[in-house]
Amino acid sequence: VGSSTFTGDVVARLGWRNVFAEHAGRYPAVPLDELDRDDIDV
């Protein structure tokens, strides 16, 4: 989930920061190592 989505807003209202919220795409494809990294909590 990237920018400007309903799901992204749900995440924000739960008190979580979507690390891809500023991505240009709404549902971008990303390499696995951009997901499996130390600075993402879950």
PDB file of all heavy atoms in Angstrom:
ATOM      1  N   VAL A   1       0.857  -1.182   0.000  1.00  0.00           N
ATOM      2  CA  VAL A   1       0.000   0.000   0.000  1.00  0.00           C
ATOM      3  C   VAL A   1       0.891   1.230   0.000  1.00  0.00           C
ATOM      4  O   VAL A   1       1.786   1.367   0.836  1.00  0.00           O
ATOM      5  CB  VAL A   1      -0.920   0.001   1.235  1.00  0.00           C
ATOM      6  CG1 VAL A   1      -1.650   1.336   1.364  1.00  0.00           C
ATOM      7  CG2 VAL A   1      -1.913  -1.150   1.150  1.00  0.00           C
ATOM      8  N   GLY A   2       0.645   2.131  -0.962  1.00  0.00           N
ATOM      9  CA  GLY A   2       1.436   3.345  -1.073  1.00  0.00           C
ATOM     10  C   GLY A   2       0.668   4.573  -0.616  1.00  0.00           C
ATOM     11  O   GLY A   2       0.152   4.610   0.502  1.00  0.00           O
ATOM     12  N   SER A   3       0.538   5.555  -1.496  1.00  0.00           N
ATOM     13  CA  SER A   3      -0.068   6.840  -1.121  1.00  0.00           C
ATOM     14  C   SER A   3      -1.538   6.917  -1.527  1.00  0.00           C
ATOM     15  O   SER A   3      -1.995   6.223  -2.426  1.00  0.00           O
ATOM     16  CB  SER A   3       0.695   7.981  -1.794  1.00  0.00           C
ATOM     17  OG  SER A   3       0.679   7.823  -3.208  1.00  0.00           O
ATOM     18  N   SER A   4      -2.262   7.790  -0.827  1.00  0.00           N
ATOM     19  CA  SER A   4      -3.639   8.168  -1.181  1.00  0.00           C
ATOM     20  C   SER A   4      -4.586   6.980  -1.277  1.00  0.00           C
ATOM     21  O   SER A   4      -5.332   6.835  -2.251  1.00  0.00           O
ATOM     22  CB  SER A   4      -3.649   8.946  -2.510  1.00  0.00           C
ATOM     23  OG  SER A   4      -2.820  10.077  -2.437  1.00  0.00           O
ATOM     24  N   THR A   5      -4.598   6.131  -0.265  1.00  0.00           N
ATOM     25  CA  THR A   5      -5.500   4.983  -0.251  1.00  0.00           C
ATOM     26  C   THR A   5      -6.311   4.946   1.037  1.00  0.00           C
ATOM     27  O   THR A   5      -5.881   5.467   2.073  1.00  0.00           O
ATOM     28  CB  THR A   5      -4.739   3.644  -0.359  1.00  0.00           C
ATOM     29  OG1 THR A   5      -3.960   3.460   0.820  1.00  0.00           O
ATOM     30  CG2 THR A   5      -3.837   3.622  -1.586  1.00  0.00           C
ATOM     31  N   PHE A   6      -7.462   4.311   0.956  1.00  0.00           N
ATOM     32  CA  PHE A   6      -8.293   4.108   2.143  1.00  0.00           C
ATOM     33  C   PHE A   6      -7.535   3.329   3.196  1.00  0.00           C
ATOM     34  O   PHE A   6      -7.527   3.689   4.388  1.00  0.00           O
ATOM     35  CB  PHE A   6      -9.572   3.371   1.746  1.00  0.00           C
ATOM     36  CG  PHE A   6     -10.418   2.932   2.901  1.00  0.00           C
ATOM     37  CD1 PHE A   6     -11.262   3.815   3.543  1.00  0.00           C
ATOM     38  CD2 PHE A   6     -10.357   1.621   3.354  1.00  0.00           C
ATOM     39  CE1 PHE A   6     -12.038   3.409   4.626  1.00  0.00           C
ATOM     40  CE2 PHE A   6     -11.131   1.208   4.431  1.00  0.00           C
ATOM     41  CZ  PHE A   6     -11.969   2.100   5.068  1.00  0.00           C
ATOM     42  N   THR A   7      -6.858   2.251   2.776  1.00  0.00           N
ATOM     43  CA  THR A   7      -6.108   1.432   3.729  1.00  0.00           C
ATOM     44  C   THR A   7      -5.016   2.238   4.408  1.00  0.00           C
ATOM     45  O   THR A   7      -4.782   2.097   5.618  1.00  0.00           O
ATOM     46  CB  THR A   7      -5.498   0.214   3.018  1.00  0.00           C
ATOM     47  OG1 THR A   7      -6.557  -0.585   2.483  1.00  0.00           O
ATOM     48  CG2 THR A   7      -4.668  -0.623   3.971  1.00  0.00           C
ATOM     49  N   GLY A   8      -4.341   3.087   3.663  1.00  0.00           N
ATOM     50  CA  GLY A   8      -3.318   3.935   4.258  1.00  0.00           C
ATOM     51  C   GLY A   8      -3.887   4.848   5.323  1.00  0.00           C
ATOM     52  O   GLY A   8      -3.248   5.086   6.365  1.00  0.00           O
ATOM     53  N   ASP A   9      -5.095   5.361   5.102  1.00  0.00           N
ATOM     54  CA  ASP A   9      -5.723   6.227   6.093  1.00  0.00           C
ATOM     55  C   ASP A   9      -6.139   5.428   7.323  1.00  0.00           C
ATOM     56  O   ASP A   9      -6.030   5.916   8.460  1.00  0.00           O
ATOM     57  CB  ASP A   9      -6.932   6.943   5.486  1.00  0.00           C
ATOM     58  CG  ASP A   9      -7.445   8.067   6.374  1.00  0.00           C
ATOM     59  OD1 ASP A   9      -6.645   8.960   6.721  1.00  0.00           O
ATOM     60  OD2 ASP A   9      -8.642   8.051   6.737  1.00  0.00           O
ATOM     61  N   VAL A  10      -6.623   4.196   7.125  1.00  0.00           N
ATOM     62  CA  VAL A  10      -6.939   3.325   8.259  1.00  0.00           C
ATOM     63  C   VAL A  10      -5.697   3.129   9.117  1.00  0.00           C
ATOM     64  O   VAL A  10      -5.734   3.242  10.353  1.00  0.00           O
ATOM     65  CB  VAL A  10      -7.476   1.964   7.769  1.00  0.00           C
ATOM     66  CG1 VAL A  10      -7.508   0.956   8.918  1.00  0.00           C
ATOM     67  CG2 VAL A  10      -8.870   2.113   7.173  1.00  0.00           C
ATOM     68  N   VAL A  11      -4.573   2.824   8.471  1.00  0.00           N
ATOM     69  CA  VAL A  11      -3.314   2.618   9.184  1.00  0.00           C
ATOM     70  C   VAL A  11      -2.937   3.857   9.986  1.00  0.00           C
ATOM     71  O   VAL A  11      -2.561   3.767  11.166  1.00  0.00           O
ATOM     72  CB  VAL A  11      -2.196   2.247   8.177  1.00  0.00           C
ATOM     73  CG1 VAL A  11      -0.825   2.350   8.825  1.00  0.00           C
ATOM     74  CG2 VAL A  11      -2.420   0.838   7.638  1.00  0.00           C
ATOM     75  N   ALA A  12      -3.045   5.022   9.373  1.00  0.00           N
ATOM     76  CA  ALA A  12      -2.694   6.263  10.071  1.00  0.00           C
ATOM     77  C   ALA A  12      -3.595   6.487  11.278  1.00  0.00           C
ATOM     78  O   ALA A  12      -3.131   6.924  12.341  1.00  0.00           O
ATOM     79  CB  ALA A  12      -2.785   7.442   9.107  1.00  0.00           C
ATOM     80  N   ARG A  13      -4.883   6.194  11.147  1.00  0.00           N
ATOM     81  CA  ARG A  13      -5.830   6.426  12.239  1.00  0.00           C
ATOM     82  C   ARG A  13      -5.682   5.390  13.349  1.00  0.00           C
ATOM     83  O   ARG A  13      -6.202   5.598  14.456  1.00  0.00           O
ATOM     84  CB  ARG A  13      -7.266   6.456  11.696  1.00  0.00           C
ATOM     85  CG  ARG A  13      -7.515   7.682  10.850  1.00  0.00           C
ATOM     86  CD  ARG A  13      -8.850   7.739  10.149  1.00  0.00           C
ATOM     87  NE  ARG A  13      -8.884   8.912   9.316  1.00  0.00           N
ATOM     88  CZ  ARG A  13      -9.158  10.144   9.757  1.00  0.00           C
ATOM     89  NH1 ARG A  13      -9.469  10.335  11.029  1.00  0.00           N
ATOM     90  NH2 ARG A  13      -9.134  11.172   8.935  1.00  0.00           N
ATOM     91  N   LEU A  14      -4.973   4.309  13.071  1.00  0.00           N
ATOM     92  CA  LEU A  14      -4.641   3.345  14.114  1.00  0.00           C
ATOM     93  C   LEU A  14      -3.401   3.767  14.891  1.00  0.00           C
ATOM     94  O   LEU A  14      -3.031   3.131  15.878  1.00  0.00           O
ATOM     95  CB  LEU A  14      -4.414   1.964  13.489  1.00  0.00           C
ATOM     96  CG  LEU A  14      -5.677   1.247  12.983  1.00  0.00           C
ATOM     97  CD1 LEU A  14      -5.297   0.061  12.103  1.00  0.00           C
ATOM     98  CD2 LEU A  14      -6.537   0.782  14.147  1.00  0.00           C
ATOM     99  N   GLY A  15      -2.758   4.838  14.445  1.00  0.00           N
ATOM    100  CA  GLY A  15      -1.555   5.312  15.122  1.00  0.00           C
ATOM    101  C   GLY A  15      -0.282   4.668  14.600  1.00  0.00           C
ATOM    102  O   GLY A  15       0.717   4.588  15.333  1.00  0.00           O
ATOM    103  N   TRP A  16      -0.309   4.247  13.344  1.00  0.00           N
ATOM    104  CA  TRP A  16       0.861   3.629  12.729  1.00  0.00           C
ATOM    105  C   TRP A  16       1.297   4.463  11.530  1.00  0.00           C
ATOM    106  O   TRP A  16       0.471   5.114  10.880  1.00  0.00           O
ATOM    107  CB  TRP A  16       0.556   2.204  12.263  1.00  0.00           C
ATOM    108  CG  TRP A  16      -0.048   1.331  13.318  1.00  0.00           C
ATOM    109  CD1 TRP A  16       0.102   1.438  14.673  1.00  0.00           C
ATOM    110  CD2 TRP A  16      -0.928   0.217  13.116  1.00  0.00           C
ATOM    111  NE1 TRP A  16      -0.602   0.475  15.331  1.00  0.00           N
ATOM    112  CE2 TRP A  16      -1.254  -0.306  14.396  1.00  0.00           C
ATOM    113  CE3 TRP A  16      -1.453  -0.393  11.996  1.00  0.00           C
ATOM    114  CZ2 TRP A  16      -2.082  -1.399  14.574  1.00  0.00           C
ATOM    115  CZ3 TRP A  16      -2.283  -1.496  12.153  1.00  0.00           C
ATOM    116  CH2 TRP A  16      -2.590  -1.992  13.438  1.00  0.00           C
ATOM    117  N   ARG A  17       2.592   4.407  11.231  1.00  0.00           N
ATOM    118  CA  ARG A  17       3.114   5.135  10.074  1.00  0.00           C
ATOM    119  C   ARG A  17       3.416   4.152   8.952  1.00  0.00           C
ATOM    120  O   ARG A  17       4.247   3.257   9.111  1.00  0.00           O
ATOM    121  CB  ARG A  17       4.382   5.913  10.420  1.00  0.00           C
ATOM    122  CG  ARG A  17       4.947   6.697   9.226  1.00  0.00           C
ATOM    123  CD  ARG A  17       6.192   7.489   9.575  1.00  0.00           C
ATOM    124  NE  ARG A  17       6.658   8.238   8.424  1.00  0.00           N
ATOM    125  CZ  ARG A  17       7.452   7.766   7.481  1.00  0.00           C
ATOM    126  NH1 ARG A  17       7.890   6.524   7.567  1.00  0.00           N
ATOM    127  NH2 ARG A  17       7.814   8.524   6.454  1.00  0.00           N
ATOM    128  N   ASN A  18       2.721   4.307   7.846  1.00  0.00           N
ATOM    129  CA  ASN A  18       3.000   3.507   6.652  1.00  0.00           C
ATOM    130  C   ASN A  18       4.291   4.033   6.022  1.00  0.00           C
ATOM    131  O   ASN A  18       4.351   5.171   5.552  1.00  0.00           O
ATOM    132  CB  ASN A  18       1.833   3.620   5.671  1.00  0.00           C
ATOM    133  CG  ASN A  18       2.106   2.918   4.348  1.00  0.00           C
ATOM    134  OD1 ASN A  18       3.032   2.122   4.232  1.00  0.00           O
ATOM    135  ND2 ASN A  18       1.294   3.222   3.347  1.00  0.00           N
ATOM    136  N   VAL A  19       5.324   3.219   6.001  1.00  0.00           N
ATOM    137  CA  VAL A  19       6.626   3.688   5.516  1.00  0.00           C
ATOM    138  C   VAL A  19       6.613   3.961   4.016  1.00  0.00           C
ATOM    139  O   VAL A  19       7.530   4.600   3.490  1.00  0.00           O
ATOM    140  CB  VAL A  19       7.746   2.679   5.859  1.00  0.00           C
ATOM    141  CG1 VAL A  19       7.886   2.531   7.365  1.00  0.00           C
ATOM    142  CG2 VAL A  19       7.489   1.331   5.190  1.00  0.00           C
ATOM    143  N   PHE A  20       5.575   3.504   3.319  1.00  0.00           N
ATOM    144  CA  PHE A  20       5.467   3.770   1.885  1.00  0.00           C
ATOM    145  C   PHE A  20       4.391   4.811   1.578  1.00  0.00           C
ATOM    146  O   PHE A  20       3.968   4.946   0.425  1.00  0.00           O
ATOM    147  CB  PHE A  20       5.172   2.472   1.134  1.00  0.00           C
ATOM    148  CG  PHE A  20       6.292   1.473   1.195  1.00  0.00           C
ATOM    149  CD1 PHE A  20       6.227   0.392   2.077  1.00  0.00           C
ATOM    150  CD2 PHE A  20       7.418   1.606   0.410  1.00  0.00           C
ATOM    151  CE1 PHE A  20       7.257  -0.534   2.143  1.00  0.00           C
ATOM    152  CE2 PHE A  20       8.463   0.697   0.471  1.00  0.00           C
ATOM    153  CZ  PHE A  20       8.391  -0.374   1.350  1.00  0.00           C
ATOM    154  N   ALA A  21       3.969   5.555   2.580  1.00  0.00           N
ATOM    155  CA  ALA A  21       2.885   6.522   2.400  1.00  0.00           C
ATOM    156  C   ALA A  21       3.246   7.646   1.440  1.00  0.00           C
ATOM    157  O   ALA A  21       2.353   8.260   0.840  1.00  0.00           O
ATOM    158  CB  ALA A  21       2.475   7.106   3.748  1.00  0.00           C
ATOM    159  N   GLU A  22       4.532   7.929   1.288  1.00  0.00           N
ATOM    160  CA  GLU A  22       4.949   9.006   0.399  1.00  0.00           C
ATOM    161  C   GLU A  22       5.354   8.502  -0.980  1.00  0.00           C
ATOM    162  O   GLU A  22       5.819   9.286  -1.821  1.00  0.00           O
ATOM    163  CB  GLU A  22       6.122   9.771   1.036  1.00  0.00           C
ATOM    164  CG  GLU A  22       5.838  10.320   2.422  1.00  0.00           C
ATOM    165  CD  GLU A  22       4.617  11.215   2.451  1.00  0.00           C
ATOM    166  OE1 GLU A  22       4.454  12.014   1.496  1.00  0.00           O
ATOM    167  OE2 GLU A  22       3.816  11.108   3.400  1.00  0.00           O
ATOM    168  N   HIS A  23       5.184   7.227  -1.215  1.00  0.00           N
ATOM    169  CA  HIS A  23       5.543   6.675  -2.525  1.00  0.00           C
ATOM    170  C   HIS A  23       4.644   7.271  -3.603  1.00  0.00           C
ATOM    171  O   HIS A  23       3.472   7.548  -3.371  1.00  0.00           O
ATOM    172  CB  HIS A  23       5.404   5.156  -2.502  1.00  0.00           C
ATOM    173  CG  HIS A  23       6.121   4.468  -3.615  1.00  0.00           C
ATOM    174  ND1 HIS A  23       5.643   4.462  -4.911  1.00  0.00           N
ATOM    175  CD2 HIS A  23       7.285   3.752  -3.636  1.00  0.00           C
ATOM    176  CE1 HIS A  23       6.478   3.779  -5.682  1.00  0.00           C
ATOM    177  NE2 HIS A  23       7.484   3.337  -4.928  1.00  0.00           N
ATOM    178  N   ALA A  24       5.198   7.474  -4.785  1.00  0.00           N
ATOM    179  CA  ALA A  24       4.413   8.069  -5.871  1.00  0.00           C
ATOM    180  C   ALA A  24       3.250   7.178  -6.299  1.00  0.00           C
ATOM    181  O   ALA A  24       2.215   7.677  -6.765  1.00  0.00           O
ATOM    182  CB  ALA A  24       5.320   8.347  -7.066  1.00  0.00           C
ATOM    183  N   GLY A  25       3.412   5.863  -6.147  1.00  0.00           N
ATOM    184  CA  GLY A  25       2.356   4.945  -6.558  1.00  0.00           C
ATOM    185  C   GLY A  25       1.407   4.607  -5.430  1.00  0.00           C
ATOM    186  O   GLY A  25       1.768   4.654  -4.254  1.00  0.00           O
ATOM    187  N   ARG A  26       0.191   4.232  -5.788  1.00  0.00           N
ATOM    188  CA  ARG A  26      -0.792   3.846  -4.776  1.00  0.00           C
ATOM    189  C   ARG A  26      -0.546   2.417  -4.307  1.00  0.00           C
ATOM    190  O   ARG A  26      -0.759   2.106  -3.134  1.00  0.00           O
ATOM    191  CB  ARG A  26      -2.211   3.989  -5.329  1.00  0.00           C
ATOM    192  CG  ARG A  26      -2.563   5.421  -5.743  1.00  0.00           C
ATOM    193  CD  ARG A  26      -4.006   5.533  -6.151  1.00  0.00           C
ATOM    194  NE  ARG A  26      -4.881   5.495  -5.007  1.00  0.00           N
ATOM    195  CZ  ARG A  26      -6.103   4.983  -5.014  1.00  0.00           C
ATOM    196  NH1 ARG A  26      -6.576   4.412  -6.102  1.00  0.00           N
ATOM    197  NH2 ARG A  26      -6.847   5.007  -3.923  1.00  0.00           N
ATOM    198  N   TYR A  27      -0.123   1.548  -5.211  1.00  0.00           N
ATOM    199  CA  TYR A  27       0.160   0.147  -4.865  1.00  0.00           C
ATOM    200  C   TYR A  27       1.440  -0.286  -5.582  1.00  0.00           C
ATOM    201  O   TYR A  27       1.405  -1.097  -6.510  1.00  0.00           O
ATOM    202  CB  TYR A  27      -1.024  -0.753  -5.263  1.00  0.00           C
ATOM    203  CG  TYR A  27      -2.323  -0.355  -4.605  1.00  0.00           C
ATOM    204  CD1 TYR A  27      -3.301   0.329  -5.323  1.00  0.00           C
ATOM    205  CD2 TYR A  27      -2.565  -0.630  -3.260  1.00  0.00           C
ATOM    206  CE1 TYR A  27      -4.493   0.710  -4.725  1.00  0.00           C
ATOM    207  CE2 TYR A  27      -3.748  -0.249  -2.654  1.00  0.00           C
ATOM    208  CZ  TYR A  27      -4.704   0.425  -3.388  1.00  0.00           C
ATOM    209  OH  TYR A  27      -5.876   0.806  -2.794  1.00  0.00           O
ATOM    210  N   PRO A  28       2.565   0.239  -5.157  1.00  0.00           N
ATOM    211  CA  PRO A  28       3.810  -0.029  -5.879  1.00  0.00           C
ATOM    212  C   PRO A  28       4.361  -1.432  -5.626  1.00  0.00           C
ATOM    213  O   PRO A  28       4.151  -2.026  -4.567  1.00  0.00           O
ATOM    214  CB  PRO A  28       4.759   1.029  -5.315  1.00  0.00           C
ATOM    215  CG  PRO A  28       4.244   1.274  -3.925  1.00  0.00           C
ATOM    216  CD  PRO A  28       2.751   1.180  -4.040  1.00  0.00           C
ATOM    217  N   ALA A  29       5.088  -1.932  -6.617  1.00  0.00           N
ATOM    218  CA  ALA A  29       5.871  -3.151  -6.457  1.00  0.00           C
ATOM    219  C   ALA A  29       7.221  -2.768  -5.865  1.00  0.00           C
ATOM    220  O   ALA A  29       7.831  -1.780  -6.283  1.00  0.00           O
ATOM    221  CB  ALA A  29       6.057  -3.837  -7.808  1.00  0.00           C
ATOM    222  N   VAL A  30       7.676  -3.523  -4.859  1.00  0.00           N
ATOM    223  CA  VAL A  30       8.946  -3.211  -4.198  1.00  0.00           C
ATOM    224  C   VAL A  30       9.750  -4.494  -4.014  1.00  0.00           C
ATOM    225  O   VAL A  30       9.171  -5.577  -3.867  1.00  0.00           O
ATOM    226  CB  VAL A  30       8.726  -2.538  -2.818  1.00  0.00           C
ATOM    227  CG1 VAL A  30       7.988  -1.215  -2.964  1.00  0.00           C
ATOM    228  CG2 VAL A  30       7.961  -3.463  -1.883  1.00  0.00           C
ATOM    229  N   PRO A  31      11.069  -4.403  -4.020  1.00  0.00           N
ATOM    230  CA  PRO A  31      11.890  -5.591  -3.735  1.00  0.00           C
ATOM    231  C   PRO A  31      11.653  -6.048  -2.298  1.00  0.00           C
ATOM    232  O   PRO A  31      11.353  -5.243  -1.413  1.00  0.00           O
ATOM    233  CB  PRO A  31      13.321  -5.084  -3.931  1.00  0.00           C
ATOM    234  CG  PRO A  31      13.211  -3.814  -4.702  1.00  0.00           C
ATOM    235  CD  PRO A  31      11.886  -3.221  -4.331  1.00  0.00           C
ATOM    236  N   LEU A  32      11.804  -7.336  -2.059  1.00  0.00           N
ATOM    237  CA  LEU A  32      11.576  -7.872  -0.719  1.00  0.00           C
ATOM    238  C   LEU A  32      12.476  -7.218   0.315  1.00  0.00           C
ATOM    239  O   LEU A  32      12.045  -6.987   1.458  1.00  0.00           O
ATOM    240  CB  LEU A  32      11.788  -9.389  -0.716  1.00  0.00           C
ATOM    241  CG  LEU A  32      11.607 -10.093   0.633  1.00  0.00           C
ATOM    242  CD1 LEU A  32      10.215  -9.847   1.206  1.00  0.00           C
ATOM    243  CD2 LEU A  32      11.884 -11.584   0.495  1.00  0.00           C
ATOM    244  N   ASP A  33      13.715  -6.871  -0.073  1.00  0.00           N
ATOM    245  CA  ASP A  33      14.615  -6.289   0.933  1.00  0.00           C
ATOM    246  C   ASP A  33      14.184  -4.892   1.365  1.00  0.00           C
ATOM    247  O   ASP A  33      14.658  -4.387   2.375  1.00  0.00           O
ATOM    248  CB  ASP A  33      16.067  -6.283   0.444  1.00  0.00           C
ATOM    249  CG  ASP A  33      16.268  -5.500  -0.849  1.00  0.00           C
ATOM    250  OD1 ASP A  33      15.330  -4.809  -1.295  1.00  0.00           O
ATOM    251  OD2 ASP A  33      17.380  -5.588  -1.419  1.00  0.00           O
ATOM    252  N   GLU A  34      13.261  -4.253   0.621  1.00  0.00           N
ATOM    253  CA  GLU A  34      12.716  -2.975   1.078  1.00  0.00           C
ATOM    254  C   GLU A  34      11.596  -3.176   2.096  1.00  0.00           C
ATOM    255  O   GLU A  34      11.180  -2.229   2.764  1.00  0.00           O
ATOM    256  CB  GLU A  34      12.201  -2.154  -0.108  1.00  0.00           C
ATOM    257  CG  GLU A  34      13.295  -1.609  -0.996  1.00  0.00           C
ATOM    258  CD  GLU A  34      12.779  -0.595  -1.997  1.00  0.00           C
ATOM    259  OE1 GLU A  34      11.691  -0.010  -1.752  1.00  0.00           O
ATOM    260  OE2 GLU A  34      13.444  -0.392  -3.019  1.00  0.00           O
ATOM    261  N   LEU A  35      11.124  -4.408   2.206  1.00  0.00           N
ATOM    262  CA  LEU A  35      10.126  -4.759   3.219  1.00  0.00           C
ATOM    263  C   LEU A  35      10.768  -5.410   4.433  1.00  0.00           C
ATOM    264  O   LEU A  35      10.364  -5.136   5.571  1.00  0.00           O
ATOM    265  CB  LEU A  35       9.099  -5.736   2.619  1.00  0.00           C
ATOM    266  CG  LEU A  35       7.980  -5.178   1.757  1.00  0.00           C
ATOM    267  CD1 LEU A  35       7.175  -6.313   1.161  1.00  0.00           C
ATOM    268  CD2 LEU A  35       7.080  -4.284   2.577  1.00  0.00           C
ATOM    269  N   ASP A  36      11.734  -6.260   4.182  1.00  0.00           N
ATOM    270  CA  ASP A  36      12.391  -7.011   5.252  1.00  0.00           C
ATOM    271  C   ASP A  36      13.624  -6.240   5.720  1.00  0.00           C
ATOM    272  O   ASP A  36      14.755  -6.528   5.330  1.00  0.00           O
ATOM    273  CB  ASP A  36      12.781  -8.394   4.729  1.00  0.00           C
ATOM    274  CG  ASP A  36      13.224  -9.330   5.853  1.00  0.00           C
ATOM    275  OD1 ASP A  36      12.873  -9.074   7.022  1.00  0.00           O
ATOM    276  OD2 ASP A  36      13.917 -10.312   5.546  1.00  0.00           O
ATOM    277  N   ARG A  37      13.384  -5.231   6.558  1.00  0.00           N
ATOM    278  CA  ARG A  37      14.480  -4.359   6.987  1.00  0.00           C
ATOM    279  C   ARG A  37      14.268  -3.914   8.429  1.00  0.00           C
ATOM    280  O   ARG A  37      13.138  -3.926   8.939  1.00  0.00           O
ATOM    281  CB  ARG A  37      14.608  -3.160   6.061  1.00  0.00           C
ATOM    282  CG  ARG A  37      13.437  -2.212   6.084  1.00  0.00           C
ATOM    283  CD  ARG A  37      13.488  -1.195   4.946  1.00  0.00           C
ATOM    284  NE  ARG A  37      12.891   0.071   5.345  1.00  0.00           N
ATOM    285  CZ  ARG A  37      12.197   0.852   4.536  1.00  0.00           C
ATOM    286  NH1 ARG A  37      12.010   0.506   3.269  1.00  0.00           N
ATOM    287  NH2 ARG A  37      11.701   2.005   4.977  1.00  0.00           N
ATOM    288  N   ASP A  38      15.348  -3.495   9.063  1.00  0.00           N
ATOM    289  CA  ASP A  38      15.340  -3.241  10.506  1.00  0.00           C
ATOM    290  C   ASP A  38      14.501  -2.043  10.926  1.00  0.00           C
ATOM    291  O   ASP A  38      14.050  -1.983  12.077  1.00  0.00           O
ATOM    292  CB  ASP A  38      16.778  -3.052  11.008  1.00  0.00           C
ATOM    293  CG  ASP A  38      17.595  -4.330  10.919  1.00  0.00           C
ATOM    294  OD1 ASP A  38      16.978  -5.418  10.951  1.00  0.00           O
ATOM    295  OD2 ASP A  38      18.832  -4.249  10.809  1.00  0.00           O
ATOM    296  N   ASP A  39      14.306  -1.061  10.048  1.00  0.00           N
ATOM    297  CA  ASP A  39      13.596   0.149  10.463  1.00  0.00           C
ATOM    298  C   ASP A  39      12.082   0.047  10.288  1.00  0.00           C
ATOM    299  O   ASP A  39      11.364   1.028  10.463  1.00  0.00           O
ATOM    300  CB  ASP A  39      14.138   1.372   9.721  1.00  0.00           C
ATOM    301  CG  ASP A  39      13.876   1.308   8.227  1.00  0.00           C
ATOM    302  OD1 ASP A  39      13.749   0.191   7.694  1.00  0.00           O
ATOM    303  OD2 ASP A  39      13.794   2.380   7.598  1.00  0.00           O
ATOM    304  N   ILE A  40      11.571  -1.131   9.968  1.00  0.00           N
ATOM    305  CA  ILE A  40      10.131  -1.377   9.931  1.00  0.00           C
ATOM    306  C   ILE A  40       9.786  -2.271  11.122  1.00  0.00           C
ATOM    307  O   ILE A  40      10.400  -3.319  11.313  1.00  0.00           O
ATOM    308  CB  ILE A  40       9.704  -2.043   8.612  1.00  0.00           C
ATOM    309  CG1 ILE A  40       9.996  -1.124   7.426  1.00  0.00           C
ATOM    310  CG2 ILE A  40       8.222  -2.402   8.648  1.00  0.00           C
ATOM    311  CD1 ILE A  40       9.644  -1.730   6.076  1.00  0.00           C
ATOM    312  N   ASP A  41       8.824  -1.838  11.921  1.00  0.00           N
ATOM    313  CA  ASP A  41       8.458  -2.614  13.109  1.00  0.00           C
ATOM    314  C   ASP A  41       7.681  -3.876  12.759  1.00  0.00           C
ATOM    315  O   ASP A  41       7.867  -4.932  13.379  1.00  0.00           O
ATOM    316  CB  ASP A  41       7.621  -1.750  14.063  1.00  0.00           C
ATOM    317  CG  ASP A  41       8.410  -0.579  14.619  1.00  0.00           C
ATOM    318  OD1 ASP A  41       9.532  -0.805  15.104  1.00  0.00           O
ATOM    319  OD2 ASP A  41       7.896   0.559  14.557  1.00  0.00           O
ATOM    320  N   VAL A  42       6.773  -3.784  11.786  1.00  0.00           N
ATOM    321  CA  VAL A  42       5.947  -4.939  11.448  1.00  0.00           C
ATOM    322  C   VAL A  42       5.413  -4.788  10.027  1.00  0.00           C
ATOM    323  O   VAL A  42       5.069  -3.675   9.599  1.00  0.00           O
ATOM    324  CB  VAL A  42       4.782  -5.112  12.462  1.00  0.00           C
ATOM    325  CG1 VAL A  42       3.898  -3.892  12.503  1.00  0.00           C
ATOM    326  CG2 VAL A  42       3.958  -6.356  12.149  1.00  0.00           C
TER     327      VAL A  42
END
